[in-house]
Protein backbone atom coordinates (compact mmCIF):
# COMPACT_ATOMS: atom_id res chain seq x y z
CA MET A 1 0.00 0.00 0.00
CA THR A 2 1.23 3.54 -0.86
CA VAL A 3 0.31 6.92 0.56
CA GLN A 4 0.20 10.08 -1.58
CA THR A 5 1.34 13.23 0.18
CA GLY A 6 1.48 16.50 -1.68
CA GLY A 7 1.67 14.74 -4.95
CA ALA A 8 4.51 12.57 -3.78
CA VAL A 9 4.07 8.92 -3.37
CA ARG A 10 5.85 7.10 -0.58
CA PRO A 11 5.51 3.51 0.64
CA GLU A 12 3.63 2.81 3.85
CA PRO A 13 5.81 1.27 6.58
CA ALA A 14 5.20 -2.48 6.82
CA LEU A 15 4.15 -4.11 10.12
CA ALA A 16 7.20 -5.22 12.09
CA ALA A 17 7.76 -8.96 11.59
CA ALA A 18 8.13 -11.22 14.65
CA PRO A 19 11.78 -11.80 15.41
CA ALA A 20 13.02 -15.16 14.08
CA ARG A 21 13.71 -17.81 16.78
CA PRO A 22 17.44 -18.21 17.08
CA ARG A 23 18.69 -21.48 15.63
CA LYS A 24 19.44 -23.92 18.42
CA GLY A 25 22.89 -25.00 17.39
CA GLY A 26 23.16 -27.37 20.30
CA GLY A 27 19.57 -28.53 20.30
CA ILE A 28 20.15 -31.54 18.09
CA GLY A 29 17.98 -34.07 19.89
CA LEU A 30 18.75 -37.52 21.23
CA GLY A 31 20.09 -38.82 17.92
CA GLY A 32 22.52 -35.93 17.60
CA ALA A 33 23.58 -36.40 21.22
CA PHE A 34 24.28 -40.04 20.45
CA VAL A 35 26.47 -39.10 17.47
CA ILE A 36 28.45 -36.55 19.47
CA ALA A 37 28.88 -38.97 22.39
CA TRP A 38 29.98 -41.77 20.06
CA ARG A 39 32.59 -39.55 18.39
CA ALA A 40 33.92 -38.55 21.81
CA ILE A 41 34.22 -42.22 22.83
CA VAL A 42 35.92 -43.50 19.66
CA GLY A 43 38.11 -40.44 19.54
CA THR A 44 39.88 -41.54 22.73
CA PRO A 45 39.65 -45.36 22.60
CA LEU A 46 42.21 -46.11 25.31
CA ARG A 47 40.61 -43.78 27.81
CA SER A 48 37.16 -45.13 26.93
CA ILE A 49 38.26 -48.71 27.57
CA LEU A 50 39.90 -47.79 30.86
CA THR A 51 36.76 -45.87 31.85
CA ALA A 52 34.53 -48.89 31.18
CA LEU A 53 37.00 -51.40 32.65
CA GLY A 54 35.37 -51.46 36.08
CA VAL A 55 31.95 -52.15 34.54
CA ILE A 56 33.45 -54.83 32.27
CA ILE A 57 35.05 -56.64 35.21
CA GLY A 58 31.93 -56.28 37.37
CA VAL A 59 29.51 -57.66 34.77
CA ALA A 60 31.91 -60.45 33.80
CA ALA A 61 32.32 -61.46 37.44
CA VAL A 62 28.56 -61.49 38.08
CA VAL A 63 27.80 -63.53 34.93
CA ALA A 64 30.66 -66.00 35.39
CA LEU A 65 30.25 -66.58 39.12
CA THR A 66 26.49 -67.02 39.01
CA ALA A 67 26.80 -69.45 36.08
CA ILE A 68 29.50 -71.46 37.85
CA GLY A 69 27.51 -71.44 41.10
CA GLN A 70 24.36 -72.64 39.41
CA GLY A 71 26.38 -75.22 37.51
CA SER A 72 27.82 -76.53 40.77
CA THR A 73 24.32 -76.79 42.23
CA ALA A 74 23.07 -78.67 39.18
CA GLY A 75 26.10 -80.98 39.32
CA ILE A 76 25.51 -81.80 42.99
CA THR A 77 21.86 -82.51 42.24
CA ARG A 78 22.75 -84.81 39.33
CA ASN A 79 25.37 -86.67 41.36
CA LEU A 80 23.02 -87.27 44.28
CA GLU A 81 20.20 -88.35 42.02
CA SER A 82 22.56 -90.70 40.18
CA LEU A 83 23.12 -92.48 43.50
CA GLY A 84 19.42 -93.26 43.77
CA THR A 85 16.11 -91.41 44.04
CA ASN A 86 13.60 -91.33 46.92
CA LEU A 87 16.44 -92.62 49.07
CA LEU A 88 16.70 -93.05 52.84
CA THR A 89 19.97 -94.06 54.47
CA VAL A 90 20.14 -95.73 57.88
CA GLN A 91 23.55 -95.82 59.54
CA SER A 92 25.15 -96.16 62.95
CA ALA A 93 25.54 -93.07 65.07
CA ARG A 94 26.42 -91.89 68.53
CA GLY A 95 24.44 -88.92 69.78
CA GLY A 96 22.15 -86.68 67.74
CA GLY A 97 19.71 -88.66 65.62
CA GLY A 98 17.02 -87.87 63.15
CA GLY A 99 19.25 -87.08 60.19
CA SER A 100 21.40 -84.48 61.94
CA LEU A 101 25.17 -84.40 61.71
CA VAL A 102 26.47 -87.30 63.78
CA ARG A 103 29.72 -88.72 65.00
CA ALA A 104 30.60 -92.28 64.24
CA GLY A 105 30.28 -94.46 67.33
CA PRO A 106 32.91 -96.90 68.58
CA ARG A 107 30.79 -99.85 67.44
CA GLN A 108 28.47 -100.48 64.49
CA THR A 109 24.90 -100.60 65.77
CA VAL A 110 22.80 -101.22 62.64
CA THR A 111 22.53 -104.96 62.11
CA LEU A 112 21.65 -107.29 59.28
CA LYS A 113 18.52 -108.21 61.25
CA ASP A 114 17.50 -104.53 61.20
CA ALA A 115 17.74 -104.57 57.41
CA GLU A 116 15.60 -107.70 57.23
CA ALA A 117 13.01 -106.11 59.52
CA LEU A 118 12.91 -102.97 57.39
CA SER A 119 12.52 -105.08 54.27
CA THR A 120 9.38 -106.77 55.59
CA ALA A 121 7.82 -104.05 57.74
CA PHE A 122 6.70 -101.51 55.16
CA GLY A 123 5.38 -103.61 52.31
CA SER A 124 4.58 -101.63 49.16
CA ARG A 125 5.77 -98.35 50.71
CA VAL A 126 9.36 -99.44 50.08
CA ALA A 127 10.52 -100.25 46.55
CA GLY A 128 13.73 -101.88 47.75
CA VAL A 129 16.08 -102.35 50.71
CA ALA A 130 19.82 -102.85 50.36
CA PRO A 131 22.16 -103.17 53.35
CA SER A 132 25.84 -102.73 52.57
CA ALA A 133 29.26 -103.20 54.09
CA GLN A 134 32.51 -102.28 52.43
CA SER A 135 36.29 -102.28 52.74
CA ASN A 136 39.35 -101.77 50.59
CA ILE A 137 41.03 -104.85 49.18
CA GLN A 138 43.47 -105.92 46.48
CA ALA A 139 42.04 -107.50 43.34
CA LYS A 140 44.23 -109.62 41.08
CA VAL A 141 43.95 -111.15 37.62
CA GLY A 142 47.05 -113.02 36.49
CA ASP A 143 50.01 -110.70 37.01
CA LEU A 144 47.81 -107.61 37.19
CA ASN A 145 46.50 -106.18 40.46
CA ALA A 146 44.59 -103.11 41.62
CA GLN A 147 43.26 -101.64 44.83
CA VAL A 148 39.45 -101.73 44.79
CA THR A 149 36.50 -100.99 47.06
CA LEU A 150 34.80 -104.26 47.94
CA LEU A 151 31.10 -103.83 48.58
CA GLY A 152 28.82 -106.50 49.99
CA THR A 153 25.10 -105.96 49.49
CA TRP A 154 21.78 -107.43 48.30
CA PRO A 155 20.50 -107.61 44.69
CA ALA A 156 18.16 -104.66 45.33
CA TYR A 157 21.26 -102.42 45.36
CA GLU A 158 20.98 -102.29 41.57
CA THR A 159 17.71 -100.33 41.66
CA VAL A 160 17.98 -98.65 45.06
CA ARG A 161 21.32 -97.00 44.21
CA ASN A 162 20.58 -96.57 40.49
CA SER A 163 23.45 -98.86 39.55
CA PRO A 164 22.40 -101.09 36.62
CA VAL A 165 24.94 -103.20 34.75
CA ALA A 166 26.22 -102.38 31.27
CA SER A 167 26.80 -106.04 30.46
CA GLY A 168 26.07 -109.35 32.17
CA SER A 169 23.72 -109.29 35.14
CA TYR A 170 23.55 -108.74 38.88
CA PHE A 171 23.78 -111.62 41.29
CA THR A 172 20.48 -113.00 42.54
CA GLN A 173 18.90 -113.69 45.92
CA ALA A 174 19.82 -117.33 45.38
CA ASP A 175 23.47 -116.25 45.16
CA VAL A 176 23.07 -114.39 48.45
CA ASP A 177 21.39 -117.36 50.12
CA GLY A 178 24.06 -119.73 48.78
CA ARG A 179 26.97 -117.38 49.61
CA LYS A 180 28.18 -117.67 46.03
CA ARG A 181 31.49 -116.18 44.95
CA VAL A 182 30.22 -113.94 42.15
CA ALA A 183 31.02 -110.30 41.52
CA VAL A 184 29.90 -107.23 39.60
CA ILE A 185 32.85 -104.97 38.73
CA GLY A 186 33.24 -101.27 37.90
CA ALA A 187 34.59 -99.77 34.68
CA GLN A 188 38.00 -98.89 36.18
CA VAL A 189 38.45 -102.46 37.40
CA VAL A 190 37.86 -103.62 33.83
CA THR A 191 40.49 -101.17 32.59
CA ASP A 192 43.04 -102.18 35.23
CA LEU A 193 42.58 -105.94 35.18
CA PHE A 194 40.76 -106.94 31.99
CA ALA A 195 42.14 -104.53 29.40
CA GLU A 196 43.15 -107.39 27.11
CA THR A 197 39.97 -109.39 27.64
CA PRO A 198 37.13 -108.81 25.13
CA ASP A 199 34.44 -109.58 27.72
CA PRO A 200 35.17 -109.83 31.45
CA VAL A 201 31.83 -111.55 32.13
CA GLY A 202 32.56 -115.17 33.06
CA GLN A 203 36.21 -114.46 33.85
CA LYS A 204 37.86 -115.05 37.22
CA LEU A 205 39.46 -112.56 39.56
CA ARG A 206 40.90 -112.96 43.01
CA LEU A 207 39.85 -110.75 45.89
CA GLY A 208 42.20 -111.04 48.85
CA GLY A 209 43.18 -114.49 47.66
CA VAL A 210 39.59 -115.70 47.14
CA SER A 211 38.52 -116.54 43.58
CA PHE A 212 35.34 -114.92 42.20
CA THR A 213 33.50 -115.15 38.90
CA VAL A 214 32.56 -111.89 37.18
CA VAL A 215 28.83 -111.90 36.35
CA GLY A 216 28.31 -108.23 35.48
CA VAL A 217 30.09 -105.02 34.52
CA LEU A 218 28.95 -101.55 35.60
CA PRO A 219 28.95 -98.60 33.16
CA ASP A 220 31.48 -95.81 33.44
CA LYS A 221 30.08 -93.44 36.09
CA GLY A 222 33.00 -91.05 36.27
CA ASN A 223 34.24 -89.60 39.52
CA SER A 224 31.17 -88.00 41.04
CA GLY A 225 32.95 -86.70 44.12
CA PHE A 226 31.02 -89.12 46.35
CA GLY A 227 33.44 -92.00 45.92
CA ASN A 228 34.63 -93.55 42.70
CA ALA A 229 32.00 -96.12 41.72
CA ASN A 230 34.24 -97.24 38.85
CA SER A 231 36.62 -98.90 41.31
CA GLN A 232 33.92 -100.93 43.06
CA VAL A 233 33.59 -104.69 43.15
CA ILE A 234 30.12 -105.71 44.37
CA VAL A 235 29.54 -109.16 45.87
CA PRO A 236 26.71 -110.85 47.84
CA LEU A 237 26.60 -109.54 51.40
CA SER A 238 26.52 -113.05 52.85
CA THR A 239 29.73 -113.90 50.99
CA TYR A 240 31.35 -110.66 52.13
CA ILE A 241 30.54 -111.38 55.80
CA GLN A 242 31.73 -114.97 55.56
CA ARG A 243 34.90 -114.42 53.52
CA PHE A 244 36.15 -110.94 54.31
CA SER A 245 34.84 -108.94 57.23
CA ARG A 246 32.32 -109.39 59.98
CA THR A 247 31.64 -106.98 62.81
CA ASN A 248 29.12 -107.73 65.53
CA SER A 249 26.79 -105.56 67.54
CA ALA A 250 26.63 -105.67 71.32
CA SER A 251 24.07 -108.48 70.97
CA GLY A 252 26.38 -110.51 68.72
CA GLN A 253 24.47 -109.83 65.47
CA PRO A 254 26.44 -109.10 62.27
CA THR A 255 26.36 -105.38 61.47
CA VAL A 256 26.36 -103.39 58.26
CA SER A 257 27.66 -99.93 57.39
CA ASN A 258 24.44 -98.63 55.84
CA VAL A 259 20.93 -99.72 54.97
CA TYR A 260 19.50 -98.02 51.89
CA LEU A 261 15.72 -97.82 51.43
CA GLN A 262 14.01 -96.60 48.31
CA ALA A 263 10.57 -95.16 48.93
CA ALA A 264 7.92 -96.12 46.39
CA ASN A 265 6.53 -92.58 46.54
CA LYS A 266 8.64 -89.45 47.04
CA ASP A 267 5.72 -87.81 48.88
CA ASP A 268 5.99 -90.53 51.52
CA LEU A 269 9.64 -89.84 52.38
CA SER A 270 9.05 -87.69 55.46
CA ALA A 271 6.47 -90.09 56.92
CA LEU A 272 8.75 -93.02 56.13
CA VAL A 273 11.62 -91.39 58.04
CA THR A 274 9.38 -91.19 61.11
CA ASP A 275 8.20 -94.80 60.78
CA VAL A 276 11.71 -96.18 60.20
CA THR A 277 12.96 -94.25 63.22
CA ASP A 278 10.11 -95.59 65.39
CA LEU A 279 10.73 -99.18 64.25
CA LEU A 280 14.47 -99.08 64.89
CA SER A 281 14.01 -97.24 68.20
CA THR A 282 11.84 -100.11 69.36
CA ARG A 283 14.28 -102.74 68.10
CA HIS A 284 17.25 -100.98 69.72
CA GLU A 285 15.29 -100.17 72.87
CA GLN A 286 16.04 -96.49 72.46
CA THR A 287 13.83 -94.11 74.42
CA ASP A 288 15.64 -90.78 74.02
CA PRO A 289 14.95 -89.41 70.50
CA ASP A 290 17.87 -87.00 70.87
CA ASN A 291 20.41 -89.71 71.63
CA LEU A 292 19.74 -92.56 69.22
CA ASP A 293 22.48 -95.00 68.25
CA PHE A 294 21.45 -94.74 64.59
CA SER A 295 20.48 -92.00 62.13
CA VAL A 296 17.98 -91.90 59.28
CA GLN A 297 18.93 -89.48 56.54
CA ASN A 298 16.56 -88.31 53.85
CA GLN A 299 18.27 -87.72 50.52
CA ALA A 300 15.74 -85.04 49.61
CA ASP A 301 16.53 -83.10 52.79
CA SER A 302 20.27 -83.43 52.18
CA LEU A 303 19.85 -82.25 48.60
CA ALA A 304 17.70 -79.29 49.69
CA SER A 305 20.29 -78.31 52.32
CA LEU A 306 23.14 -78.50 49.82
CA ASN A 307 21.20 -76.48 47.26
CA THR A 308 20.38 -73.85 49.87
CA ILE A 309 24.04 -73.54 50.80
CA THR A 310 25.27 -73.34 47.20
CA ASN A 311 22.54 -70.84 46.24
CA THR A 312 23.40 -68.66 49.22
CA LEU A 313 27.09 -68.77 48.33
CA THR A 314 26.28 -67.94 44.71
CA LEU A 315 24.24 -64.89 45.76
CA LEU A 316 26.95 -63.79 48.18
CA VAL A 317 29.73 -64.09 45.61
CA GLY A 318 27.53 -62.40 43.01
CA ALA A 319 26.86 -59.52 45.40
CA ILE A 320 30.58 -59.14 46.08
CA ALA A 321 31.23 -59.15 42.34
CA GLY A 322 28.51 -56.51 41.97
CA ILE A 323 30.64 -54.15 44.04
CA SER A 324 32.95 -53.99 41.02
CA LEU A 325 30.07 -52.39 39.14
CA LEU A 326 29.84 -49.64 41.73
CA VAL A 327 33.60 -49.13 41.53
CA GLY A 328 33.27 -49.00 37.75
CA GLY A 329 30.53 -46.39 38.10
CA ILE A 330 32.78 -44.23 40.25
CA GLY A 331 35.44 -44.57 37.57
CA ILE A 332 32.99 -43.39 34.93
CA MET A 333 32.06 -40.39 37.06
CA ASN A 334 35.68 -39.39 37.59
CA ILE A 335 36.60 -39.64 33.92
CA MET A 336 33.45 -37.80 32.87
CA LEU A 337 34.36 -34.97 35.26
CA VAL A 338 37.76 -34.77 33.60
CA SER A 339 36.06 -34.82 30.21
CA VAL A 340 33.77 -31.94 31.20
CA THR A 341 36.79 -29.89 32.28
CA GLU A 342 38.65 -30.63 29.04
CA ARG A 343 35.64 -29.72 26.90
CA THR A 344 34.63 -26.54 28.71
CA ARG A 345 35.23 -24.35 25.63
CA GLU A 346 33.20 -26.74 23.48
CA ILE A 347 30.33 -26.47 25.95
CA GLY A 348 30.63 -22.67 25.85
CA VAL A 349 30.50 -22.62 22.05
CA ARG A 350 27.42 -24.86 21.99
CA LYS A 351 25.66 -22.69 24.54
CA ALA A 352 26.59 -19.56 22.58
CA LEU A 353 24.96 -21.14 19.52
CA GLY A 354 21.76 -21.70 21.46
CA ALA A 355 22.17 -25.08 23.19
CA ARG A 356 19.99 -25.35 26.25
CA PRO A 357 21.26 -26.82 29.55
CA ARG A 358 19.16 -29.93 28.98
CA ASP A 359 20.89 -30.47 25.60
CA ILE A 360 24.28 -30.46 27.32
CA LEU A 361 22.92 -32.69 30.08
CA THR A 362 21.59 -35.18 27.51
CA GLN A 363 24.88 -35.23 25.60
CA PHE A 364 26.99 -36.19 28.60
CA LEU A 365 24.39 -38.59 30.02
CA VAL A 366 24.30 -40.43 26.68
CA GLU A 367 28.08 -40.62 26.66
CA ALA A 368 28.17 -42.09 30.18
CA ALA A 369 25.38 -44.55 29.31
CA LEU A 370 27.18 -45.67 26.14
CA LEU A 371 30.35 -46.31 28.12
CA SER A 372 28.53 -48.40 30.72
CA LEU A 373 26.37 -50.26 28.18
CA GLY A 374 29.40 -51.04 26.04
CA GLY A 375 31.22 -52.24 29.13
CA GLY A 376 28.18 -54.37 30.02
CA ILE A 377 28.11 -56.04 26.60
CA ILE A 378 31.85 -56.76 26.67
CA GLY A 379 31.53 -57.97 30.27
CA ILE A 380 28.76 -60.42 29.36
CA GLY A 381 30.90 -61.94 26.62
CA LEU A 382 33.93 -62.13 28.90
CA GLY A 383 31.84 -63.65 31.70
CA ILE A 384 30.43 -66.35 29.42
CA ALA A 385 33.92 -67.21 28.17
CA THR A 386 35.26 -67.33 31.74
CA ALA A 387 32.39 -69.57 32.87
CA TYR A 388 33.03 -72.01 30.03
CA ALA A 389 36.67 -72.11 31.11
CA GLY A 390 35.34 -73.74 34.29
CA ASN A 391 34.77 -76.90 32.23
CA SER A 392 38.45 -77.64 32.65
CA PHE A 393 37.77 -77.98 36.40
CA GLY A 394 34.82 -80.30 35.87
CA ILE A 395 32.13 -77.63 36.37
CA SER A 396 29.57 -77.17 33.61
CA PRO A 397 28.17 -73.63 33.85
CA VAL A 398 24.44 -73.04 33.86
CA PHE A 399 23.55 -69.60 32.53
CA SER A 400 20.52 -67.73 33.79
CA VAL A 401 18.93 -65.22 31.44
CA THR A 402 17.70 -63.35 34.49
CA SER A 403 21.18 -62.85 35.95
CA ILE A 404 22.57 -61.72 32.58
CA VAL A 405 19.74 -59.24 32.04
CA VAL A 406 20.01 -57.93 35.61
CA ALA A 407 23.78 -57.43 35.24
CA PHE A 408 23.30 -55.62 31.93
CA VAL A 409 20.50 -53.36 33.19
CA PHE A 410 22.44 -52.64 36.38
CA SER A 411 25.47 -51.63 34.31
CA ALA A 412 23.28 -49.17 32.35
CA LEU A 413 21.82 -47.73 35.54
CA VAL A 414 25.32 -47.36 36.99
CA GLY A 415 26.33 -45.29 33.95
CA VAL A 416 23.28 -43.03 34.17
CA PHE A 417 23.51 -42.65 37.96
CA PHE A 418 27.22 -41.85 38.11
CA GLY A 419 27.16 -39.91 34.86
CA TYR A 420 24.43 -37.54 36.02
CA TYR A 421 26.62 -35.36 38.26
CA PRO A 422 29.26 -34.62 35.57
CA ALA A 423 26.46 -34.03 33.04
CA ALA A 424 24.63 -31.68 35.40
CA ARG A 425 27.85 -29.84 36.12
CA ALA A 426 28.43 -29.37 32.39
CA ALA A 427 24.86 -28.14 31.93
CA ARG A 428 25.32 -25.48 34.63
CA LEU A 429 28.49 -23.95 33.10
CA ASP A 430 28.25 -20.26 32.26
CA PRO A 431 28.77 -19.82 28.49
CA VAL A 432 30.81 -16.61 28.86
CA GLU A 433 33.13 -18.12 31.43
CA SER A 434 33.34 -21.33 29.35
CA LEU A 435 34.48 -19.44 26.26
CA ARG A 436 37.20 -17.70 28.31
CA TYR A 437 38.42 -21.04 29.72
CA GLU A 438 41.95 -22.02 28.69
């Protein structure tokens, strides 16, 4: 629009336009903050690795130790279950009964008659009963000899202790009744004495000078840590008592080291412990339940106690390893403070170009989080590799997704928590003073 004044035409002043919003040079959003933080990290690789080292070690320790701990628990469970399921063990004791820790008494108190009574007293509630007695002895075949564990027991030992043969067969009740000289041998005995024999079944071996016929061979069970079953030679209990070792109770009855009972139903184990204790208390004329001369141990209770102990130790060790994460977080905070000091002029320039305090805060928080997350990822890989190295010590690790996720998330939280103070300090810097900083 124009205005005519005295014949002259002049333009009308335009309405003043709203001032343009200054371009936010530092307001580049989360993606831009990520790019800047990434460039800062890769620009100083050695310092970045050293900054994340505490987090790497902490996460690796948590992952490796929890996996090894859970692997140990699983191994203990497998080993105990390989020795028989739904198992009760009756043995001699002096003081403290009912499955508690006991001290061996001066004389064996559990007798062969006790085993026979247990075998007939509970009917279908018991799937099998197997008394046992054992000693170390020298076995010999020709010019070869080996030290073995000689075990005398009943045929039910095969099922009660989960010990089937790989070849041949177990001896029978008729062999026990007839005191036959027959034997079932372990895999190591085969290796030591029958290495050049295609099939040991039917062959002869001498035990302490007494000749026996091999009727069965056990599979390789490895060394479970509960005694090497591969070095066992199993014979009828009656033959063992007659030929090798007999100990008598105060009443003159032959005794045994243990009596194993397999419950037909695992839900009946606790009630069976009570009933076995009552029966033997009556037979032994024991009236004080706190001072029995025998103990009844429940395998399920023993397994639960062991698992509780190993789980507690795993949590304790994992918690101690988690302290490394806190130390790593402190390391991140210290290095980020140094980084803020070194980049004071950069912060001043960004603020002069319009960056808001929250943009600076986001930039340094992202950098701290990247350092801790990167350390967490490297730590998980290192922890898994370390746990698998435990295989050389006979421990197969068991990895828990929960523990790995918790360690990773915790590492991220450590970075954000300890990175907040340096980031907040950077956000509060005065731009004028920052630009003057040398």
